[in-house]
Amino acid sequence: MSVENTLRDAIQKKSVVGFTFDGKTYTGSPHALGERDGTPHVLICRGEDAHEKRVPPMGEWSVLPLSDITGIRLLPAEPFHAGHPDAKVKAELHKVSVSVG
């Protein structure tokens, strides 16, 4: 399954995903798929498996390009982050095709 299809499935099921981005392993709760600067992106609340101090334990909202995400998999046993991103982060994603209801 492609990165986009896996994320779409995760959003619809409210499932956490595990993935690699920028050489690091993360887990995250994807909330929306859309575009940023004309390319596919995901709005996700992510945390790190590596326990680095710069990413808060509660997670960090990000808009990530799908092209830089690899090794994605569903982690249905993990608790989904149901919070809401701030307006600034949410505004970075355009032409939203699917989002958490």
Protein backbone atom coordinates (compact mmCIF):
# COMPACT_ATOMS: atom_id res chain seq x y z
CA MET A 1 0.00 0.00 0.00
CA SER A 2 1.33 3.47 -0.84
CA VAL A 3 2.18 6.08 1.80
CA GLU A 4 -0.88 8.11 0.80
CA ASN A 5 -3.24 5.11 0.96
CA THR A 6 -1.83 3.99 4.31
CA LEU A 7 -2.30 7.50 5.73
CA ARG A 8 -5.83 7.72 4.30
CA ASP A 9 -6.64 4.37 5.96
CA ALA A 10 -5.10 5.54 9.26
CA ILE A 11 -7.08 8.80 9.23
CA GLN A 12 -10.35 7.00 8.53
CA LYS A 13 -9.67 4.44 11.28
CA LYS A 14 -8.07 6.97 13.67
CA SER A 15 -5.01 4.73 13.83
CA VAL A 16 -1.48 5.67 14.86
CA VAL A 17 1.25 5.08 12.28
CA GLY A 18 4.94 4.32 12.57
CA PHE A 19 7.24 5.76 9.89
CA THR A 20 10.68 7.06 9.02
CA PHE A 21 11.15 10.74 8.18
CA ASP A 22 14.46 12.51 7.66
CA GLY A 23 16.34 9.40 8.82
CA LYS A 24 14.51 9.16 12.16
CA THR A 25 11.81 6.78 13.34
CA TYR A 26 8.56 8.37 14.53
CA THR A 27 5.06 7.45 15.58
CA GLY A 28 2.19 9.78 14.91
CA SER A 29 -1.53 10.37 14.66
CA PRO A 30 -2.38 11.61 11.14
CA HIS A 31 -5.30 14.04 11.04
CA ALA A 32 -5.55 15.22 7.42
CA LEU A 33 -4.20 14.72 3.90
CA GLY A 34 -3.93 17.62 1.51
CA GLU A 35 -1.43 19.79 -0.33
CA ARG A 36 1.25 22.31 0.53
CA ASP A 37 3.01 24.15 -2.29
CA GLY A 38 1.26 21.85 -4.78
CA THR A 39 2.62 18.58 -3.34
CA PRO A 40 0.90 15.97 -1.14
CA HIS A 41 1.38 16.49 2.61
CA VAL A 42 -0.04 15.11 5.85
CA LEU A 43 -1.04 17.00 9.00
CA ILE A 44 0.18 14.78 11.83
CA CYS A 45 0.80 14.90 15.55
CA ARG A 46 4.12 13.10 15.84
CA GLY A 47 6.38 11.85 18.57
CA GLU A 48 9.76 10.16 18.41
CA ASP A 49 10.80 6.68 19.39
CA ALA A 50 14.28 8.05 20.18
CA HIS A 51 13.13 10.07 23.26
CA GLU A 52 14.94 13.22 22.16
CA LYS A 53 14.28 16.21 24.40
CA ARG A 54 13.49 18.65 21.57
CA VAL A 55 10.19 16.87 20.76
CA PRO A 56 7.74 17.16 23.68
CA PRO A 57 6.36 13.88 25.05
CA MET A 58 2.83 15.05 24.16
CA GLY A 59 3.86 15.28 20.51
CA GLU A 60 4.41 17.98 17.96
CA TRP A 61 2.08 19.05 15.15
CA SER A 62 3.73 18.96 11.73
CA VAL A 63 2.82 19.16 8.06
CA LEU A 64 5.10 16.64 6.35
CA PRO A 65 5.64 15.88 2.65
CA LEU A 66 4.52 12.37 1.73
CA SER A 67 7.54 12.01 -0.58
CA ASP A 68 9.90 12.02 2.45
CA ILE A 69 7.99 9.38 4.47
CA THR A 70 9.13 5.76 4.25
CA GLY A 71 8.49 2.50 6.07
CA ILE A 72 4.96 3.51 7.06
CA ARG A 73 2.79 1.04 8.94
CA LEU A 74 -0.40 1.12 11.00
CA LEU A 75 -0.04 0.76 14.78
CA PRO A 76 -3.67 0.14 15.82
CA ALA A 77 -2.76 -0.83 19.39
CA GLU A 78 -1.29 2.63 20.11
CA PRO A 79 -3.56 5.41 21.49
CA PHE A 80 -4.57 7.97 18.84
CA HIS A 81 -3.88 11.63 19.71
CA ALA A 82 -7.29 13.29 19.47
CA GLY A 83 -6.16 16.89 20.08
CA HIS A 84 -6.41 19.77 17.65
CA PRO A 85 -3.56 21.60 15.91
CA ASP A 86 -3.22 25.34 16.31
CA ALA A 87 -4.58 27.47 13.46
CA LYS A 88 -1.10 28.32 12.11
CA VAL A 89 -0.12 24.68 11.55
CA LYS A 90 -3.56 23.75 10.22
CA ALA A 91 -3.42 26.64 7.72
CA GLU A 92 -0.27 25.16 6.14
CA LEU A 93 -2.34 22.35 4.55
CA HIS A 94 -4.52 23.18 1.53
CA LYS A 95 -6.95 21.21 -0.66
CA VAL A 96 -7.68 18.74 2.15
CA SER A 97 -8.93 15.44 0.70
CA VAL A 98 -9.59 13.56 3.95
CA SER A 99 -9.53 14.54 7.62
CA VAL A 100 -10.46 13.23 11.04
CA GLY A 101 -14.15 13.99 11.51
